[in-house]
Each structure stands twice: as structure tokens, then as C-alpha cells.
Amino acid sequence: MISTGEWVLISVLHQQGYSMRQVARELRVSRNTVKRHLASGKDGPRYFLRGAIESRLDAYKDYILDGCGRPARKPCVQRY
């Protein structure tokens, strides 16, 4: 992914008369990235927040945090 600053630079360099190839070469990004940005006409990239992903261990979370069902004095044994 490219940063928001690079998105702005793509627009600025293109407005200064640089070709898409020159912009891509200058910023070391793909020509398709430059082409996509200029075609979109937007100020920056769109990033979406992902929701929380359920883990397979969520069902055992209390057991794990409780110390693997052992008294507090004895540490959990690491098993390979």
C-alpha cells in the first residue's frame, strides 16, 4: 500500500506535467497504481476497518486466562 502523502504527490506531479510513467518512476510505484489514482479523481486511498475476527480459542479463553485449570502456585507446563 502507498501512503496518503504519495497519493498527493501523484496528483501534484501529474499537474506539473509529468507523464504517468515519469510519476511512477519517480515514486517507485506501479504505473497501474498511478493510472488508478488519476482515474479515481479522489484525494487519497480508501481504507476500511475490519471487524473483530473470532478466534478458535475464544471458547477456551477463560480456561487459559485462569491458568490452565491449575492452582496459582504451579505454572502451566509447555507442551510441544
PDB file of N, CA and C in Angstrom:
ATOM      1  N   MET A   1       0.833  -1.180   0.000  1.00  0.00           N
ATOM      2  CA  MET A   1       0.000   0.000   0.000  1.00  0.00           C
ATOM      3  C   MET A   1       0.878   1.244   0.000  1.00  0.00           C
ATOM      4  N   ILE A   2       0.354   2.270  -0.563  1.00  0.00           N
ATOM      5  CA  ILE A   2       1.102   3.518  -0.567  1.00  0.00           C
ATOM      6  C   ILE A   2       0.448   4.478   0.414  1.00  0.00           C
ATOM      7  N   SER A   3       1.231   5.407   0.900  1.00  0.00           N
ATOM      8  CA  SER A   3       0.743   6.335   1.913  1.00  0.00           C
ATOM      9  C   SER A   3      -0.076   7.451   1.282  1.00  0.00           C
ATOM     10  N   THR A   4      -0.758   8.188   2.136  1.00  0.00           N
ATOM     11  CA  THR A   4      -1.575   9.305   1.677  1.00  0.00           C
ATOM     12  C   THR A   4      -0.701  10.381   1.046  1.00  0.00           C
ATOM     13  N   GLY A   5       0.497  10.567   1.574  1.00  0.00           N
ATOM     14  CA  GLY A   5       1.421  11.548   1.004  1.00  0.00           C
ATOM     15  C   GLY A   5       1.804  11.218  -0.427  1.00  0.00           C
ATOM     16  N   GLU A   6       1.983   9.934  -0.706  1.00  0.00           N
ATOM     17  CA  GLU A   6       2.309   9.526  -2.068  1.00  0.00           C
ATOM     18  C   GLU A   6       1.135   9.757  -3.007  1.00  0.00           C
ATOM     19  N   TRP A   7      -0.091   9.587  -2.493  1.00  0.00           N
ATOM     20  CA  TRP A   7      -1.275   9.863  -3.314  1.00  0.00           C
ATOM     21  C   TRP A   7      -1.314  11.334  -3.692  1.00  0.00           C
ATOM     22  N   VAL A   8      -0.973  12.196  -2.750  1.00  0.00           N
ATOM     23  CA  VAL A   8      -0.958  13.633  -3.034  1.00  0.00           C
ATOM     24  C   VAL A   8       0.138  13.945  -4.049  1.00  0.00           C
ATOM     25  N   LEU A   9       1.309  13.324  -3.892  1.00  0.00           N
ATOM     26  CA  LEU A   9       2.413  13.564  -4.825  1.00  0.00           C
ATOM     27  C   LEU A   9       2.061  13.137  -6.246  1.00  0.00           C
ATOM     28  N   ILE A  10       1.294  12.066  -6.377  1.00  0.00           N
ATOM     29  CA  ILE A  10       0.875  11.643  -7.712  1.00  0.00           C
ATOM     30  C   ILE A  10       0.085  12.750  -8.384  1.00  0.00           C
ATOM     31  N   SER A  11      -0.845  13.336  -7.655  1.00  0.00           N
ATOM     32  CA  SER A  11      -1.660  14.417  -8.223  1.00  0.00           C
ATOM     33  C   SER A  11      -0.816  15.642  -8.554  1.00  0.00           C
ATOM     34  N   VAL A  12       0.078  16.005  -7.643  1.00  0.00           N
ATOM     35  CA  VAL A  12       0.896  17.204  -7.832  1.00  0.00           C
ATOM     36  C   VAL A  12       1.826  17.038  -9.035  1.00  0.00           C
ATOM     37  N   LEU A  13       2.494  15.909  -9.111  1.00  0.00           N
ATOM     38  CA  LEU A  13       3.423  15.689 -10.225  1.00  0.00           C
ATOM     39  C   LEU A  13       2.684  15.639 -11.565  1.00  0.00           C
ATOM     40  N   HIS A  14       1.506  15.043 -11.575  1.00  0.00           N
ATOM     41  CA  HIS A  14       0.743  14.991 -12.824  1.00  0.00           C
ATOM     42  C   HIS A  14       0.284  16.397 -13.240  1.00  0.00           C
ATOM     43  N   GLN A  15      -0.086  17.221 -12.268  1.00  0.00           N
ATOM     44  CA  GLN A  15      -0.488  18.594 -12.583  1.00  0.00           C
ATOM     45  C   GLN A  15       0.691  19.425 -13.081  1.00  0.00           C
ATOM     46  N   GLN A  16       1.895  19.055 -12.672  1.00  0.00           N
ATOM     47  CA  GLN A  16       3.093  19.769 -13.121  1.00  0.00           C
ATOM     48  C   GLN A  16       3.524  19.333 -14.514  1.00  0.00           C
ATOM     49  N   GLY A  17       2.823  18.375 -15.103  1.00  0.00           N
ATOM     50  CA  GLY A  17       3.123  17.968 -16.460  1.00  0.00           C
ATOM     51  C   GLY A  17       3.877  16.669 -16.597  1.00  0.00           C
ATOM     52  N   TYR A  18       4.125  15.973 -15.516  1.00  0.00           N
ATOM     53  CA  TYR A  18       4.803  14.675 -15.589  1.00  0.00           C
ATOM     54  C   TYR A  18       3.860  13.658 -16.210  1.00  0.00           C
ATOM     55  N   SER A  19       4.403  12.760 -17.005  1.00  0.00           N
ATOM     56  CA  SER A  19       3.595  11.677 -17.552  1.00  0.00           C
ATOM     57  C   SER A  19       3.384  10.618 -16.470  1.00  0.00           C
ATOM     58  N   MET A  20       2.478   9.681 -16.747  1.00  0.00           N
ATOM     59  CA  MET A  20       2.214   8.627 -15.763  1.00  0.00           C
ATOM     60  C   MET A  20       3.455   7.780 -15.516  1.00  0.00           C
ATOM     61  N   ARG A  21       4.217   7.521 -16.574  1.00  0.00           N
ATOM     62  CA  ARG A  21       5.448   6.745 -16.413  1.00  0.00           C
ATOM     63  C   ARG A  21       6.471   7.482 -15.562  1.00  0.00           C
ATOM     64  N   GLN A  22       6.601   8.782 -15.788  1.00  0.00           N
ATOM     65  CA  GLN A  22       7.569   9.559 -15.011  1.00  0.00           C
ATOM     66  C   GLN A  22       7.164   9.607 -13.542  1.00  0.00           C
ATOM     67  N   VAL A  23       5.872   9.761 -13.288  1.00  0.00           N
ATOM     68  CA  VAL A  23       5.394   9.780 -11.905  1.00  0.00           C
ATOM     69  C   VAL A  23       5.671   8.434 -11.246  1.00  0.00           C
ATOM     70  N   ALA A  24       5.358   7.355 -11.944  1.00  0.00           N
ATOM     71  CA  ALA A  24       5.584   6.017 -11.392  1.00  0.00           C
ATOM     72  C   ALA A  24       7.069   5.774 -11.127  1.00  0.00           C
ATOM     73  N   ARG A  25       7.905   6.196 -12.043  1.00  0.00           N
ATOM     74  CA  ARG A  25       9.346   6.014 -11.871  1.00  0.00           C
ATOM     75  C   ARG A  25       9.863   6.850 -10.705  1.00  0.00           C
ATOM     76  N   GLU A  26       9.385   8.085 -10.593  1.00  0.00           N
ATOM     77  CA  GLU A  26       9.829   8.990  -9.528  1.00  0.00           C
ATOM     78  C   GLU A  26       9.453   8.465  -8.143  1.00  0.00           C
ATOM     79  N   LEU A  27       8.237   7.937  -8.010  1.00  0.00           N
ATOM     80  CA  LEU A  27       7.751   7.476  -6.702  1.00  0.00           C
ATOM     81  C   LEU A  27       7.996   5.995  -6.470  1.00  0.00           C
ATOM     82  N   ARG A  28       8.520   5.299  -7.502  1.00  0.00           N
ATOM     83  CA  ARG A  28       8.803   3.870  -7.418  1.00  0.00           C
ATOM     84  C   ARG A  28       7.550   3.063  -7.070  1.00  0.00           C
ATOM     85  N   VAL A  29       6.478   3.366  -7.800  1.00  0.00           N
ATOM     86  CA  VAL A  29       5.241   2.613  -7.686  1.00  0.00           C
ATOM     87  C   VAL A  29       4.867   2.116  -9.078  1.00  0.00           C
ATOM     88  N   SER A  30       3.892   1.250  -9.128  1.00  0.00           N
ATOM     89  CA  SER A  30       3.449   0.696 -10.398  1.00  0.00           C
ATOM     90  C   SER A  30       2.726   1.756 -11.227  1.00  0.00           C
ATOM     91  N   ARG A  31       2.851   1.637 -12.540  1.00  0.00           N
ATOM     92  CA  ARG A  31       2.113   2.550 -13.432  1.00  0.00           C
ATOM     93  C   ARG A  31       0.616   2.363 -13.253  1.00  0.00           C
ATOM     94  N   ASN A  32       0.215   1.128 -12.958  1.00  0.00           N
ATOM     95  CA  ASN A  32      -1.210   0.868 -12.725  1.00  0.00           C
ATOM     96  C   ASN A  32      -1.716   1.598 -11.490  1.00  0.00           C
ATOM     97  N   THR A  33      -0.884   1.745 -10.475  1.00  0.00           N
ATOM     98  CA  THR A  33      -1.267   2.486  -9.278  1.00  0.00           C
ATOM     99  C   THR A  33      -1.494   3.949  -9.629  1.00  0.00           C
ATOM    100  N   VAL A  34      -0.597   4.528 -10.410  1.00  0.00           N
ATOM    101  CA  VAL A  34      -0.729   5.929 -10.836  1.00  0.00           C
ATOM    102  C   VAL A  34      -1.978   6.088 -11.690  1.00  0.00           C
ATOM    103  N   LYS A  35      -2.164   5.170 -12.611  1.00  0.00           N
ATOM    104  CA  LYS A  35      -3.321   5.219 -13.506  1.00  0.00           C
ATOM    105  C   LYS A  35      -4.626   5.123 -12.722  1.00  0.00           C
ATOM    106  N   ARG A  36      -4.677   4.214 -11.759  1.00  0.00           N
ATOM    107  CA  ARG A  36      -5.878   4.024 -10.943  1.00  0.00           C
ATOM    108  C   ARG A  36      -6.193   5.269 -10.124  1.00  0.00           C
ATOM    109  N   HIS A  37      -5.156   5.887  -9.559  1.00  0.00           N
ATOM    110  CA  HIS A  37      -5.369   7.087  -8.753  1.00  0.00           C
ATOM    111  C   HIS A  37      -5.878   8.243  -9.613  1.00  0.00           C
ATOM    112  N   LEU A  38      -5.271   8.452 -10.745  1.00  0.00           N
ATOM    113  CA  LEU A  38      -5.683   9.564 -11.602  1.00  0.00           C
ATOM    114  C   LEU A  38      -7.085   9.338 -12.164  1.00  0.00           C
ATOM    115  N   ALA A  39      -7.448   8.091 -12.411  1.00  0.00           N
ATOM    116  CA  ALA A  39      -8.791   7.800 -12.921  1.00  0.00           C
ATOM    117  C   ALA A  39      -9.858   7.965 -11.839  1.00  0.00           C
ATOM    118  N   SER A  40      -9.481   7.721 -10.578  1.00  0.00           N
ATOM    119  CA  SER A  40     -10.467   7.810  -9.496  1.00  0.00           C
ATOM    120  C   SER A  40     -10.826   9.258  -9.170  1.00  0.00           C
ATOM    121  N   GLY A  41      -9.859  10.157  -9.298  1.00  0.00           N
ATOM    122  CA  GLY A  41     -10.118  11.561  -9.003  1.00  0.00           C
ATOM    123  C   GLY A  41     -10.326  11.851  -7.531  1.00  0.00           C
ATOM    124  N   LYS A  42      -9.902  10.950  -6.661  1.00  0.00           N
ATOM    125  CA  LYS A  42     -10.087  11.149  -5.219  1.00  0.00           C
ATOM    126  C   LYS A  42      -8.802  11.664  -4.586  1.00  0.00           C
ATOM    127  N   ASP A  43      -8.934  12.150  -3.351  1.00  0.00           N
ATOM    128  CA  ASP A  43      -7.789  12.731  -2.654  1.00  0.00           C
ATOM    129  C   ASP A  43      -6.840  11.696  -2.071  1.00  0.00           C
ATOM    130  N   GLY A  44      -7.345  10.545  -1.746  1.00  0.00           N
ATOM    131  CA  GLY A  44      -6.483   9.559  -1.126  1.00  0.00           C
ATOM    132  C   GLY A  44      -7.083   8.175  -1.201  1.00  0.00           C
ATOM    133  N   PRO A  45      -6.352   7.207  -0.686  1.00  0.00           N
ATOM    134  CA  PRO A  45      -6.834   5.829  -0.726  1.00  0.00           C
ATOM    135  C   PRO A  45      -7.994   5.625   0.247  1.00  0.00           C
ATOM    136  N   ARG A  46      -8.804   4.607  -0.032  1.00  0.00           N
ATOM    137  CA  ARG A  46      -9.906   4.264   0.860  1.00  0.00           C
ATOM    138  C   ARG A  46      -9.508   3.027   1.647  1.00  0.00           C
ATOM    139  N   TYR A  47      -9.444   3.144   2.944  1.00  0.00           N
ATOM    140  CA  TYR A  47      -9.151   2.019   3.812  1.00  0.00           C
ATOM    141  C   TYR A  47     -10.351   1.771   4.696  1.00  0.00           C
ATOM    142  N   PHE A  48     -10.693   0.520   4.880  1.00  0.00           N
ATOM    143  CA  PHE A  48     -11.833   0.161   5.689  1.00  0.00           C
ATOM    144  C   PHE A  48     -11.358  -0.588   6.921  1.00  0.00           C
ATOM    145  N   LEU A  49     -12.022  -0.329   8.045  1.00  0.00           N
ATOM    146  CA  LEU A  49     -11.705  -1.036   9.273  1.00  0.00           C
ATOM    147  C   LEU A  49     -12.381  -2.400   9.244  1.00  0.00           C
ATOM    148  N   ARG A  50     -11.627  -3.405   9.563  1.00  0.00           N
ATOM    149  CA  ARG A  50     -12.189  -4.746   9.631  1.00  0.00           C
ATOM    150  C   ARG A  50     -12.793  -4.966  11.003  1.00  0.00           C
ATOM    151  N   GLY A  51     -13.803  -5.759  11.057  1.00  0.00           N
ATOM    152  CA  GLY A  51     -14.408  -6.119  12.331  1.00  0.00           C
ATOM    153  C   GLY A  51     -13.536  -7.125  13.060  1.00  0.00           C
ATOM    154  N   ALA A  52     -13.886  -7.366  14.310  1.00  0.00           N
ATOM    155  CA  ALA A  52     -13.138  -8.332  15.104  1.00  0.00           C
ATOM    156  C   ALA A  52     -13.350  -9.734  14.539  1.00  0.00           C
ATOM    157  N   ILE A  53     -12.284 -10.487  14.453  1.00  0.00           N
ATOM    158  CA  ILE A  53     -12.350 -11.838  13.925  1.00  0.00           C
ATOM    159  C   ILE A  53     -12.408 -12.805  15.099  1.00  0.00           C
ATOM    160  N   GLU A  54     -13.331 -13.740  15.001  1.00  0.00           N
ATOM    161  CA  GLU A  54     -13.473 -14.717  16.057  1.00  0.00           C
ATOM    162  C   GLU A  54     -12.323 -15.706  16.004  1.00  0.00           C
ATOM    163  N   SER A  55     -11.755 -15.976  17.146  1.00  0.00           N
ATOM    164  CA  SER A  55     -10.643 -16.916  17.229  1.00  0.00           C
ATOM    165  C   SER A  55     -11.166 -18.295  17.592  1.00  0.00           C
ATOM    166  N   ARG A  56     -10.421 -19.315  17.215  1.00  0.00           N
ATOM    167  CA  ARG A  56     -10.792 -20.677  17.601  1.00  0.00           C
ATOM    168  C   ARG A  56     -10.628 -20.892  19.097  1.00  0.00           C
ATOM    169  N   LEU A  57      -9.799 -20.056  19.714  1.00  0.00           N
ATOM    170  CA  LEU A  57      -9.531 -20.214  21.143  1.00  0.00           C
ATOM    171  C   LEU A  57     -10.483 -19.409  22.014  1.00  0.00           C
ATOM    172  N   ASP A  58     -11.421 -18.678  21.421  1.00  0.00           N
ATOM    173  CA  ASP A  58     -12.347 -17.871  22.216  1.00  0.00           C
ATOM    174  C   ASP A  58     -13.159 -18.733  23.183  1.00  0.00           C
ATOM    175  N   ALA A  59     -13.478 -19.941  22.797  1.00  0.00           N
ATOM    176  CA  ALA A  59     -14.243 -20.827  23.673  1.00  0.00           C
ATOM    177  C   ALA A  59     -13.431 -21.221  24.909  1.00  0.00           C
ATOM    178  N   TYR A  60     -12.117 -21.196  24.816  1.00  0.00           N
ATOM    179  CA  TYR A  60     -11.245 -21.614  25.908  1.00  0.00           C
ATOM    180  C   TYR A  60     -10.550 -20.434  26.601  1.00  0.00           C
ATOM    181  N   LYS A  61     -10.991 -19.219  26.313  1.00  0.00           N
ATOM    182  CA  LYS A  61     -10.325 -18.020  26.821  1.00  0.00           C
ATOM    183  C   LYS A  61     -10.294 -17.981  28.346  1.00  0.00           C
ATOM    184  N   ASP A  62     -11.436 -18.266  28.976  1.00  0.00           N
ATOM    185  CA  ASP A  62     -11.479 -18.248  30.448  1.00  0.00           C
ATOM    186  C   ASP A  62     -10.545 -19.291  31.042  1.00  0.00           C
ATOM    187  N   TYR A  63     -10.507 -20.468  30.452  1.00  0.00           N
ATOM    188  CA  TYR A  63      -9.643 -21.539  30.933  1.00  0.00           C
ATOM    189  C   TYR A  63      -8.170 -21.152  30.824  1.00  0.00           C
ATOM    190  N   ILE A  64      -7.798 -20.546  29.722  1.00  0.00           N
ATOM    191  CA  ILE A  64      -6.403 -20.152  29.506  1.00  0.00           C
ATOM    192  C   ILE A  64      -6.007 -19.037  30.463  1.00  0.00           C
ATOM    193  N   LEU A  65      -6.866 -18.032  30.602  1.00  0.00           N
ATOM    194  CA  LEU A  65      -6.547 -16.921  31.494  1.00  0.00           C
ATOM    195  C   LEU A  65      -6.572 -17.329  32.960  1.00  0.00           C
ATOM    196  N   ASP A  66      -7.312 -18.393  33.264  1.00  0.00           N
ATOM    197  CA  ASP A  66      -7.390 -18.889  34.641  1.00  0.00           C
ATOM    198  C   ASP A  66      -6.125 -19.643  35.023  1.00  0.00           C
ATOM    199  N   GLY A  67      -5.267 -19.898  34.101  1.00  0.00           N
ATOM    200  CA  GLY A  67      -4.014 -20.592  34.404  1.00  0.00           C
ATOM    201  C   GLY A  67      -4.071 -22.050  34.033  1.00  0.00           C
ATOM    202  N   CYS A  68      -4.811 -22.394  33.037  1.00  0.00           N
ATOM    203  CA  CYS A  68      -4.904 -23.763  32.526  1.00  0.00           C
ATOM    204  C   CYS A  68      -5.484 -24.718  33.556  1.00  0.00           C
ATOM    205  N   GLY A  69      -6.335 -24.235  34.458  1.00  0.00           N
ATOM    206  CA  GLY A  69      -7.009 -25.096  35.424  1.00  0.00           C
ATOM    207  C   GLY A  69      -6.121 -25.556  36.562  1.00  0.00           C
ATOM    208  N   ARG A  70      -4.989 -24.954  36.755  1.00  0.00           N
ATOM    209  CA  ARG A  70      -4.076 -25.341  37.828  1.00  0.00           C
ATOM    210  C   ARG A  70      -4.126 -24.301  38.947  1.00  0.00           C
ATOM    211  N   PRO A  71      -3.714 -24.698  40.136  1.00  0.00           N
ATOM    212  CA  PRO A  71      -3.625 -23.699  41.213  1.00  0.00           C
ATOM    213  C   PRO A  71      -2.619 -22.601  40.849  1.00  0.00           C
ATOM    214  N   ALA A  72      -2.737 -21.457  41.462  1.00  0.00           N
ATOM    215  CA  ALA A  72      -1.913 -20.299  41.124  1.00  0.00           C
ATOM    216  C   ALA A  72      -0.431 -20.544  41.390  1.00  0.00           C
ATOM    217  N   ARG A  73      -0.092 -21.461  42.290  1.00  0.00           N
ATOM    218  CA  ARG A  73       1.317 -21.685  42.636  1.00  0.00           C
ATOM    219  C   ARG A  73       2.061 -22.439  41.554  1.00  0.00           C
ATOM    220  N   LYS A  74       1.392 -23.287  40.803  1.00  0.00           N
ATOM    221  CA  LYS A  74       2.062 -24.124  39.815  1.00  0.00           C
ATOM    222  C   LYS A  74       1.898 -23.485  38.427  1.00  0.00           C
ATOM    223  N   PRO A  75       3.004 -23.288  37.732  1.00  0.00           N
ATOM    224  CA  PRO A  75       2.897 -22.724  36.386  1.00  0.00           C
ATOM    225  C   PRO A  75       2.398 -23.768  35.380  1.00  0.00           C
ATOM    226  N   CYS A  76       1.876 -23.300  34.301  1.00  0.00           N
ATOM    227  CA  CYS A  76       1.446 -24.190  33.216  1.00  0.00           C
ATOM    228  C   CYS A  76       2.673 -24.849  32.590  1.00  0.00           C
ATOM    229  N   VAL A  77       2.542 -26.081  32.193  1.00  0.00           N
ATOM    230  CA  VAL A  77       3.621 -26.802  31.549  1.00  0.00           C
ATOM    231  C   VAL A  77       3.486 -26.575  30.045  1.00  0.00           C
ATOM    232  N   GLN A  78       4.598 -26.225  29.418  1.00  0.00           N
ATOM    233  CA  GLN A  78       4.573 -26.032  27.968  1.00  0.00           C
ATOM    234  C   GLN A  78       4.725 -27.386  27.308  1.00  0.00           C
ATOM    235  N   ARG A  79       3.785 -27.703  26.444  1.00  0.00           N
ATOM    236  CA  ARG A  79       3.818 -28.978  25.745  1.00  0.00           C
ATOM    237  C   ARG A  79       4.059 -28.733  24.278  1.00  0.00           C
ATOM    238  N   TYR A  80       4.877 -29.562  23.687  1.00  0.00           N
ATOM    239  CA  TYR A  80       5.187 -29.421  22.271  1.00  0.00           C
ATOM    240  C   TYR A  80       4.384 -30.385  21.467  1.00  0.00           C
TER     241      TYR A  80
END
